[in-house]
Protein backbone atom coordinates (compact mmCIF):
# COMPACT_ATOMS: atom_id res chain seq x y z
CA MET A 1 86.51 84.30 82.84
CA SER A 2 89.48 82.41 81.53
CA THR A 3 89.95 81.56 77.86
CA PRO A 4 92.49 79.22 76.26
CA SER A 5 94.75 82.23 75.72
CA THR A 6 94.53 83.54 79.30
CA PRO A 7 97.99 83.30 80.92
CA LYS A 8 97.85 81.35 84.17
CA VAL A 9 100.07 81.73 87.25
CA GLY A 10 100.43 79.42 90.24
CA PHE A 11 101.58 80.97 93.50
CA VAL A 12 103.02 79.50 96.70
CA SER A 13 103.52 81.92 99.61
CA LEU A 14 105.69 80.80 102.54
CA GLY A 15 106.73 82.51 105.76
CA CYS A 16 105.24 85.30 107.83
CA PRO A 17 102.25 87.61 107.24
CA LYS A 18 104.63 90.30 105.94
CA ALA A 19 105.60 87.94 103.10
CA LEU A 20 101.91 87.21 102.51
CA VAL A 21 101.31 90.92 101.91
CA ASP A 22 104.17 90.93 99.38
CA SER A 23 102.46 88.02 97.61
CA GLU A 24 99.17 89.91 97.55
CA ARG A 25 100.83 92.92 95.91
CA ILE A 26 102.45 90.78 93.20
CA LEU A 27 99.19 88.93 92.51
CA THR A 28 97.22 92.18 92.38
CA GLN A 29 99.56 93.51 89.67
CA LEU A 30 99.39 90.26 87.68
CA ARG A 31 95.59 90.17 87.89
CA MET A 32 95.44 93.77 86.67
CA GLU A 33 97.46 92.66 83.65
CA GLY A 34 95.00 89.87 82.85
CA TYR A 35 96.70 86.85 84.40
CA GLU A 36 94.55 84.19 86.02
CA VAL A 37 95.73 82.77 89.36
CA VAL A 38 95.23 78.99 89.48
CA PRO A 39 95.38 76.61 92.47
CA THR A 40 97.30 73.68 90.95
CA TYR A 41 100.75 73.16 89.46
CA GLN A 42 99.22 71.35 86.48
CA ASP A 43 97.03 74.30 85.41
CA ALA A 44 99.77 76.94 85.71
CA ASP A 45 101.91 78.27 82.86
CA VAL A 46 104.47 79.37 85.46
CA VAL A 47 104.77 79.03 89.25
CA VAL A 48 106.03 81.76 91.60
CA VAL A 49 107.38 80.65 95.00
CA ASN A 50 107.66 83.38 97.66
CA THR A 51 110.27 82.01 100.07
CA CYS A 52 111.17 82.47 103.74
CA GLY A 53 114.83 82.66 104.78
CA PHE A 54 114.66 83.57 108.45
CA ILE A 55 116.04 80.34 109.97
CA ASP A 56 117.53 77.14 108.56
CA SER A 57 114.31 75.13 108.86
CA ALA A 58 112.45 77.82 106.87
CA LYS A 59 115.16 77.73 104.18
CA ALA A 60 114.89 73.95 104.01
CA GLU A 61 111.12 74.20 103.57
CA SER A 62 111.57 76.81 100.83
CA LEU A 63 114.04 74.62 98.94
CA GLU A 64 111.69 71.65 99.29
CA VAL A 65 108.73 73.60 97.88
CA ILE A 66 110.85 74.94 94.99
CA GLY A 67 111.84 71.36 94.17
CA GLU A 68 108.23 70.23 94.29
CA ALA A 69 107.18 73.07 91.95
CA ILE A 70 109.94 72.20 89.49
CA ALA A 71 108.97 68.51 89.54
CA GLU A 72 105.26 69.22 89.10
CA ASN A 73 105.40 72.16 86.69
CA GLY A 74 108.95 72.83 85.46
CA LYS A 75 108.70 76.62 85.13
CA VAL A 76 109.49 78.24 88.47
CA ILE A 77 110.32 81.81 89.55
CA VAL A 78 111.64 82.34 93.09
CA THR A 79 111.22 85.50 95.17
CA GLY A 80 111.15 86.51 98.84
CA CYS A 81 113.61 86.58 101.71
CA MET A 82 115.65 83.58 100.62
CA GLY A 83 116.04 85.25 97.23
CA VAL A 84 118.96 87.28 98.63
CA GLU A 85 120.91 83.99 98.60
CA GLU A 86 120.52 83.22 94.91
CA SER A 87 123.55 80.93 94.80
CA ALA A 88 122.15 78.79 97.64
CA ILE A 89 118.96 78.31 95.60
CA ARG A 90 120.64 77.67 92.26
CA ASP A 91 123.15 75.23 93.80
CA VAL A 92 120.20 72.99 94.72
CA HIS A 93 117.79 73.92 91.93
CA PRO A 94 119.69 75.21 88.87
CA ALA A 95 116.51 74.94 86.78
CA VAL A 96 114.76 77.92 88.38
CA LEU A 97 114.05 80.59 85.78
CA ALA A 98 114.64 83.71 87.92
CA VAL A 99 115.46 84.65 91.51
CA THR A 100 114.55 87.96 93.17
CA GLY A 101 114.68 89.23 96.75
CA PRO A 102 111.93 90.52 99.05
CA GLN A 103 109.82 93.53 98.01
CA GLN A 104 111.11 93.31 94.42
CA TYR A 105 107.62 93.33 92.97
CA GLU A 106 108.50 94.77 89.57
CA GLN A 107 111.29 92.25 89.01
CA VAL A 108 108.92 89.35 89.78
CA VAL A 109 106.27 90.65 87.39
CA THR A 110 108.92 91.22 84.69
CA ALA A 111 110.15 87.65 85.14
CA VAL A 112 106.59 86.37 84.72
CA HIS A 113 106.24 88.46 81.54
CA GLU A 114 109.36 86.84 80.09
CA VAL A 115 108.04 83.33 80.65
CA VAL A 116 104.34 83.95 79.92
CA PRO A 117 103.64 87.29 78.20
CA PRO A 118 100.39 89.04 79.18
CA LYS A 119 97.51 89.14 76.74
CA THR A 120 98.04 92.11 74.43
CA GLU A 121 94.31 92.79 74.27
CA HIS A 122 93.95 93.08 78.05
CA ASN A 123 92.93 96.56 79.16
CA PRO A 124 93.51 97.28 82.87
CA LEU A 125 91.08 100.21 82.65
CA ILE A 126 88.28 97.76 81.81
CA ASP A 127 89.34 94.44 83.35
CA LEU A 128 89.73 95.76 86.88
CA VAL A 129 90.54 93.76 89.99
CA PRO A 130 88.60 94.68 93.14
CA PRO A 131 89.68 98.00 94.72
CA GLN A 132 91.20 96.18 97.70
CA GLY A 133 93.41 94.10 95.40
CA VAL A 134 93.91 90.34 95.45
CA LYS A 135 93.84 88.90 99.01
CA LEU A 136 95.18 85.54 100.16
CA THR A 137 93.35 85.62 103.50
CA PRO A 138 89.67 84.81 104.07
CA ARG A 139 87.35 87.66 103.12
CA HIS A 140 86.67 88.75 106.71
CA TYR A 141 90.24 89.54 107.84
CA ALA A 142 93.32 91.06 106.22
CA TYR A 143 96.89 92.02 107.07
CA LEU A 144 97.74 95.73 106.87
CA LYS A 145 101.48 96.25 106.40
CA ILE A 146 102.56 99.70 107.61
CA SER A 147 106.31 99.60 106.96
CA GLU A 148 109.21 97.62 105.55
CA GLY A 149 112.57 96.82 107.12
CA CYS A 150 113.97 97.31 110.59
CA ASN A 151 116.50 99.59 112.30
CA HIS A 152 117.54 97.03 114.93
CA SER A 153 120.60 94.78 114.75
CA CYS A 154 119.58 91.77 116.85
CA SER A 155 122.49 89.34 116.78
CA PHE A 156 120.37 86.30 115.83
CA CYS A 157 118.55 87.99 112.94
CA ILE A 158 119.35 88.75 109.29
CA ILE A 159 116.07 90.51 108.47
CA PRO A 160 117.71 93.98 108.13
CA SER A 161 120.19 92.59 105.62
CA MET A 162 117.33 91.07 103.62
CA ARG A 163 114.64 93.75 103.94
CA GLY A 164 116.74 96.82 104.71
CA LYS A 165 116.27 99.65 107.20
CA LEU A 166 112.89 100.92 108.36
CA VAL A 167 110.78 102.54 105.63
CA SER A 168 107.36 103.65 106.87
CA ARG A 169 104.45 103.87 104.44
CA PRO A 170 102.70 107.27 104.37
CA VAL A 171 99.89 107.09 106.91
CA GLY A 172 97.36 108.42 104.39
CA GLU A 173 98.20 105.51 102.09
CA VAL A 174 97.87 103.02 104.96
CA LEU A 175 94.49 104.40 106.05
CA SER A 176 93.16 104.51 102.50
CA GLU A 177 94.08 100.84 102.05
CA ALA A 178 92.39 100.00 105.35
CA GLU A 179 89.26 101.84 104.24
CA ARG A 180 89.14 99.90 100.96
CA LEU A 181 89.50 96.62 102.85
CA VAL A 182 86.67 97.49 105.24
CA LYS A 183 84.41 98.48 102.33
CA ALA A 184 85.17 95.08 100.77
CA GLY A 185 83.86 93.26 103.84
CA VAL A 186 86.92 92.87 106.08
CA LYS A 187 85.93 92.65 109.77
CA GLU A 188 89.44 92.49 111.26
CA LEU A 189 92.60 94.40 110.35
CA LEU A 190 95.89 92.90 111.54
CA VAL A 191 98.57 95.61 111.63
CA ILE A 192 101.99 94.18 110.79
CA SER A 193 105.57 95.33 110.21
CA GLN A 194 109.01 94.39 111.50
CA ASP A 195 108.64 96.95 114.32
CA THR A 196 105.17 98.48 114.66
CA SER A 197 106.16 100.69 117.61
CA ALA A 198 108.78 102.44 115.46
CA TYR A 199 106.30 103.42 112.74
CA GLY A 200 107.13 106.88 111.43
CA VAL A 201 110.53 107.25 113.15
CA ASP A 202 112.33 107.28 109.80
CA VAL A 203 110.18 110.19 108.49
CA LYS A 204 110.20 112.04 111.84
CA TYR A 205 106.45 111.41 112.25
CA LYS A 206 105.70 113.48 109.17
CA THR A 207 102.15 114.83 108.85
CA ASP A 208 100.19 113.28 105.99
CA PHE A 209 96.54 113.62 104.97
CA TRP A 210 93.61 111.21 104.95
CA ASN A 211 90.12 112.25 103.87
CA GLY A 212 91.31 115.84 103.95
CA GLN A 213 92.40 115.66 107.59
CA PRO A 214 96.03 115.94 108.84
CA VAL A 215 97.37 112.75 110.48
CA LYS A 216 100.86 112.19 111.84
CA THR A 217 102.79 109.16 110.58
CA ARG A 218 102.96 107.68 114.07
CA MET A 219 101.51 104.58 115.76
CA LEU A 220 99.12 106.43 118.09
CA GLU A 221 97.55 108.65 115.43
CA MET A 222 97.32 105.74 112.97
CA CYS A 223 95.59 103.60 115.62
CA GLU A 224 93.16 106.40 116.48
CA ALA A 225 92.18 106.68 112.80
CA LEU A 226 91.85 102.91 112.35
CA SER A 227 89.67 102.71 115.45
CA LYS A 228 87.02 104.80 113.71
CA MET A 229 86.47 102.23 110.94
CA GLY A 230 84.16 99.99 112.96
CA VAL A 231 86.22 96.79 112.74
CA TRP A 232 88.59 94.84 114.96
CA VAL A 233 92.13 96.28 114.86
CA ARG A 234 94.91 93.99 116.14
CA LEU A 235 98.55 95.08 116.66
CA HIS A 236 101.42 92.71 115.88
CA TYR A 237 105.22 92.90 116.35
CA VAL A 238 105.10 95.67 118.95
CA TYR A 239 108.27 96.51 120.87
CA PRO A 240 107.53 97.72 124.44
CA TYR A 241 108.77 101.27 124.00
CA PRO A 242 107.23 103.98 126.21
CA ASN A 243 104.98 105.09 123.33
CA VAL A 244 103.06 101.82 123.63
CA ASP A 245 101.70 103.23 126.90
CA ASP A 246 99.74 105.70 124.75
CA VAL A 247 97.76 103.07 122.81
CA VAL A 248 96.74 100.89 125.78
CA PRO A 249 94.04 103.43 126.85
CA LEU A 250 92.52 103.05 123.36
CA MET A 251 92.23 99.33 124.11
CA ALA A 252 90.61 100.04 127.48
CA GLU A 253 88.06 102.24 125.66
CA GLY A 254 87.21 99.47 123.20
CA LYS A 255 88.71 101.31 120.22
CA LEU A 256 91.43 98.71 119.57
CA LEU A 257 91.46 95.02 120.41
CA PRO A 258 93.07 94.62 123.87
CA TYR A 259 95.87 92.55 122.36
CA LEU A 260 99.61 93.08 122.03
CA ASP A 261 101.99 90.79 120.15
CA ILE A 262 105.41 91.55 121.67
CA PRO A 263 108.47 89.44 120.69
CA PHE A 264 110.31 89.41 124.04
CA GLN A 265 112.65 86.55 122.95
CA HIS A 266 114.18 86.12 126.43
CA ALA A 267 114.24 87.61 129.93
CA SER A 268 117.78 87.09 131.23
CA PRO A 269 119.61 90.46 131.06
CA LYS A 270 122.81 88.68 130.03
CA VAL A 271 121.15 86.81 127.15
CA LEU A 272 119.21 89.88 126.01
CA LYS A 273 122.45 91.84 125.90
CA ALA A 274 124.07 89.13 123.78
CA MET A 275 121.00 89.14 121.53
CA LYS A 276 121.30 92.95 121.23
CA ARG A 277 117.60 93.28 121.86
CA PRO A 278 116.23 96.85 122.03
CA ALA A 279 114.09 98.29 124.82
CA PHE A 280 114.08 95.22 127.04
CA GLU A 281 115.11 96.02 130.60
CA ASP A 282 114.06 95.19 134.15
CA LYS A 283 111.25 97.74 133.68
CA THR A 284 109.37 95.43 131.33
CA LEU A 285 107.47 93.64 134.10
CA ALA A 286 106.51 96.98 135.63
CA ARG A 287 105.28 98.15 132.22
CA ILE A 288 103.15 95.01 131.77
CA LYS A 289 101.66 95.56 135.24
CA LYS A 290 100.83 99.16 134.36
CA TRP A 291 99.19 98.14 131.07
CA ARG A 292 96.98 95.62 132.87
CA GLU A 293 95.98 98.21 135.44
CA ILE A 294 94.81 100.45 132.58
CA CYS A 295 93.26 97.60 130.56
CA PRO A 296 92.53 94.48 132.67
CA GLU A 297 91.29 92.60 129.58
CA LEU A 298 94.67 92.95 127.82
CA THR A 299 95.98 89.78 126.15
CA ILE A 300 99.74 89.58 125.59
CA ARG A 301 101.30 87.07 123.23
CA SER A 302 105.02 86.63 122.66
CA THR A 303 107.78 84.45 121.27
CA PHE A 304 110.97 83.26 122.96
CA ILE A 305 114.23 81.59 121.98
CA VAL A 306 115.87 78.95 124.19
CA GLY A 307 119.40 77.66 123.72
CA PHE A 308 120.92 80.93 122.49
CA PRO A 309 124.76 80.65 122.56
CA GLY A 310 126.04 81.29 126.06
CA GLU A 311 122.66 80.63 127.74
CA THR A 312 123.29 78.93 131.09
CA GLU A 313 120.92 76.96 133.30
CA GLU A 314 120.79 80.05 135.51
CA ASP A 315 119.71 82.19 132.54
CA PHE A 316 117.04 79.66 131.62
CA GLN A 317 115.69 79.48 135.16
CA TYR A 318 115.56 83.30 135.19
CA LEU A 319 113.36 83.07 132.08
CA LEU A 320 110.98 80.57 133.72
CA ASP A 321 110.69 82.74 136.83
CA TRP A 322 110.02 85.77 134.60
CA LEU A 323 107.22 83.90 132.82
CA THR A 324 105.63 83.10 136.18
CA GLU A 325 105.71 86.78 137.08
CA ALA A 326 104.62 88.09 133.66
CA GLN A 327 101.64 85.72 133.24
CA LEU A 328 101.59 86.04 129.46
CA ASP A 329 98.50 84.66 127.72
CA ARG A 330 99.88 83.27 124.46
CA VAL A 331 103.48 82.14 124.01
CA GLY A 332 105.52 80.45 121.29
CA CYS A 333 109.03 79.09 121.77
CA PHE A 334 111.82 78.18 119.34
CA GLN A 335 115.10 76.41 119.84
CA TYR A 336 117.96 78.63 118.68
CA SER A 337 119.08 77.86 115.15
CA PRO A 338 122.23 79.52 113.74
CA VAL A 339 121.56 81.51 110.57
CA ASP A 340 124.25 82.22 107.98
CA GLY A 341 125.24 85.87 108.19
CA ALA A 342 123.85 86.48 111.69
CA PRO A 343 126.25 88.38 114.03
CA ALA A 344 125.67 85.78 116.78
CA ASN A 345 127.85 83.36 114.82
CA ASP A 346 130.95 85.51 115.41
CA MET A 347 130.50 86.48 119.06
CA GLY A 348 132.59 83.62 120.45
CA LEU A 349 129.79 82.38 122.71
CA GLU A 350 129.60 78.75 123.79
CA PRO A 351 126.99 76.86 121.74
CA VAL A 352 124.26 75.08 123.69
CA ALA A 353 124.12 71.34 122.96
CA ASP A 354 121.12 70.14 120.95
CA ASP A 355 119.92 67.79 123.71
CA VAL A 356 120.06 70.66 126.22
CA LYS A 357 118.08 72.90 123.84
CA GLN A 358 115.43 70.20 123.49
CA GLU A 359 115.23 69.64 127.24
CA ARG A 360 114.88 73.38 127.94
CA TRP A 361 112.26 73.74 125.21
CA GLU A 362 110.19 70.95 126.77
CA ARG A 363 110.46 72.50 130.24
CA PHE A 364 109.57 75.93 128.83
CA MET A 365 106.48 74.63 127.03
CA ALA A 366 105.23 72.70 130.08
CA HIS A 367 105.79 75.74 132.30
CA GLN A 368 103.93 78.12 129.99
CA GLN A 369 101.12 75.66 129.22
CA ALA A 370 100.22 75.64 132.90
CA ILE A 371 100.11 79.44 132.91
CA SER A 372 98.04 79.61 129.70
CA ALA A 373 95.61 76.94 130.92
CA ALA A 374 95.04 78.77 134.20
CA ARG A 375 94.42 82.09 132.43
CA LEU A 376 91.95 80.50 130.01
CA GLN A 377 90.08 78.83 132.89
CA LEU A 378 89.31 82.32 134.20
CA LYS A 379 87.17 82.86 131.07
CA VAL A 380 84.83 79.91 131.73
CA GLY A 381 81.34 81.25 132.40
CA LYS A 382 82.02 84.64 130.82
CA GLU A 383 80.40 86.12 127.72
CA ILE A 384 82.73 87.12 124.87
CA GLU A 385 82.44 88.30 121.27
CA VAL A 386 83.64 85.85 118.63
CA LEU A 387 84.48 86.33 114.94
CA ILE A 388 83.52 83.18 112.99
CA ASP A 389 86.24 81.74 110.72
CA GLU A 390 84.62 78.53 109.47
CA VAL A 391 81.53 76.38 109.80
CA ASP A 392 81.18 72.63 109.14
CA GLU A 393 79.08 69.68 110.24
CA GLN A 394 80.79 69.74 113.65
CA GLY A 395 79.79 73.33 114.35
CA ALA A 396 81.48 76.73 114.13
CA VAL A 397 85.09 77.70 114.74
CA GLY A 398 85.86 81.28 115.64
CA ARG A 399 88.26 83.53 117.49
CA SER A 400 87.84 85.97 120.35
CA TRP A 401 89.65 89.30 120.56
CA ALA A 402 92.39 87.36 122.37
CA ASP A 403 93.13 85.12 119.37
CA ALA A 404 95.02 86.08 116.23
CA PRO A 405 94.49 83.81 113.19
CA GLU A 406 96.89 80.93 112.61
CA ILE A 407 99.02 81.53 115.72
CA ASP A 408 96.63 81.57 118.70
CA GLY A 409 93.77 79.40 119.89
CA ASN A 410 90.22 78.91 118.64
CA VAL A 411 86.73 79.08 120.09
CA PHE A 412 84.62 76.03 119.23
CA ILE A 413 80.86 76.72 119.21
CA ASP A 414 78.07 74.16 119.01
CA THR A 415 76.08 75.88 116.28
CA GLN A 416 75.81 75.88 112.49
CA ASP A 417 73.48 78.87 112.32
CA VAL A 418 76.31 81.28 111.44
CA LYS A 419 78.67 81.94 108.54
CA PRO A 420 82.34 83.02 108.23
CA GLY A 421 82.70 86.71 109.02
CA ASP A 422 79.80 86.82 111.49
CA LYS A 423 80.41 88.27 114.94
CA ILE A 424 78.37 86.66 117.72
CA ARG A 425 78.15 86.69 121.51
CA VAL A 426 78.90 83.38 123.23
CA ARG A 427 79.25 82.06 126.77
CA VAL A 428 82.44 80.09 127.47
CA THR A 429 81.72 76.60 128.83
CA ASP A 430 85.17 74.96 128.87
CA ALA A 431 88.87 75.58 128.21
CA ASP A 432 92.20 73.79 127.86
CA GLU A 433 95.77 75.09 127.39
CA TYR A 434 95.01 76.76 124.03
CA ASP A 435 91.32 76.72 123.08
CA LEU A 436 87.86 77.59 124.38
CA TRP A 437 84.46 75.92 123.97
CA ALA A 438 81.33 78.02 124.04
CA GLU A 439 77.59 78.21 123.38
CA PRO A 440 75.72 81.04 121.64
CA VAL A 441 74.07 83.56 123.95
């Protein structure tokens, strides 16, 4: 319960699920210290904005939100990926009280203390937050971050300069967090990192302990342990290294969701080389084919970039042909946007004109939509399991094992006799390019 003396914090979290986990950690610490988290600028004593700085449009959104927070509240602390460019923030918004970078949890909390001191009578041993911490997702699903940073040096990306090299969390710590989330009612764990396939490389797959049992800090062993918790486990940001072959059988056995989120980014060997992408060769199509032979139900989602400097019409057509062959289920596409500090800026490659980028993006989306629509049509008439996300007067909205929250499609069900977090069996009655319609079985 809040009292007039309870310090109140407003929080805006932008960017990817990895940033959302950072926000959850900061909020958990503040709640343990007695702060109340409020949903409006007007009720907050201070506002924290967790920014995204991956591409220019994300930076622009971050600056816009910071400006809105200053206008509405006046006391604003900035953190997150864009925080590594403090001068760029202060040049536009000199009134911000403090700026910190990603993962700098203690600095953010200290900055909040300086603006709004915690209640001196608060006792964290008595006023406990839930064991799973403060979550910003619905109660029935949660993101499980297994590492920070990345060892790759993709030429279009500045993530390593913002978040550093790969640092894997001890697997015992990861599994204990997962267990707390499941006990709190979570029905779906979404495993995230910058490079999930590389989990444990930095610690040489060191053996850790969970519930008294030895477990290697490695993707396969972590997945095997998570599969025993009785909930959906979904893998994101997976690079197609050979070790991914080891987890696909777990999907075929129903232990993990048959779902892989793999950021391919392109298919042309020339463009991939310029992008300095790891582990992407001509063998990728063969690997996808092998995975589907092992697990026919496998859903693959990915993201691509069109208009990378030096990309020719021939390169782009190669990408379209590759998509036809790969038959990916879920695909997102971005037009290349130069990012300050990215190596691609200094490679001397010919920029692609904006109108050409737009035209290629439109062709890409039309090409992939036809593929996605055809693959979804194959599900009409089949029975699937659905996790319900929301229910209103129109009916229920859920997701199948093929749909990650926020980024994939939905399943619309003509029933109100369910609640968020329920898992039900449905029969698919219709489909379009992205979504399914179904009736309860």
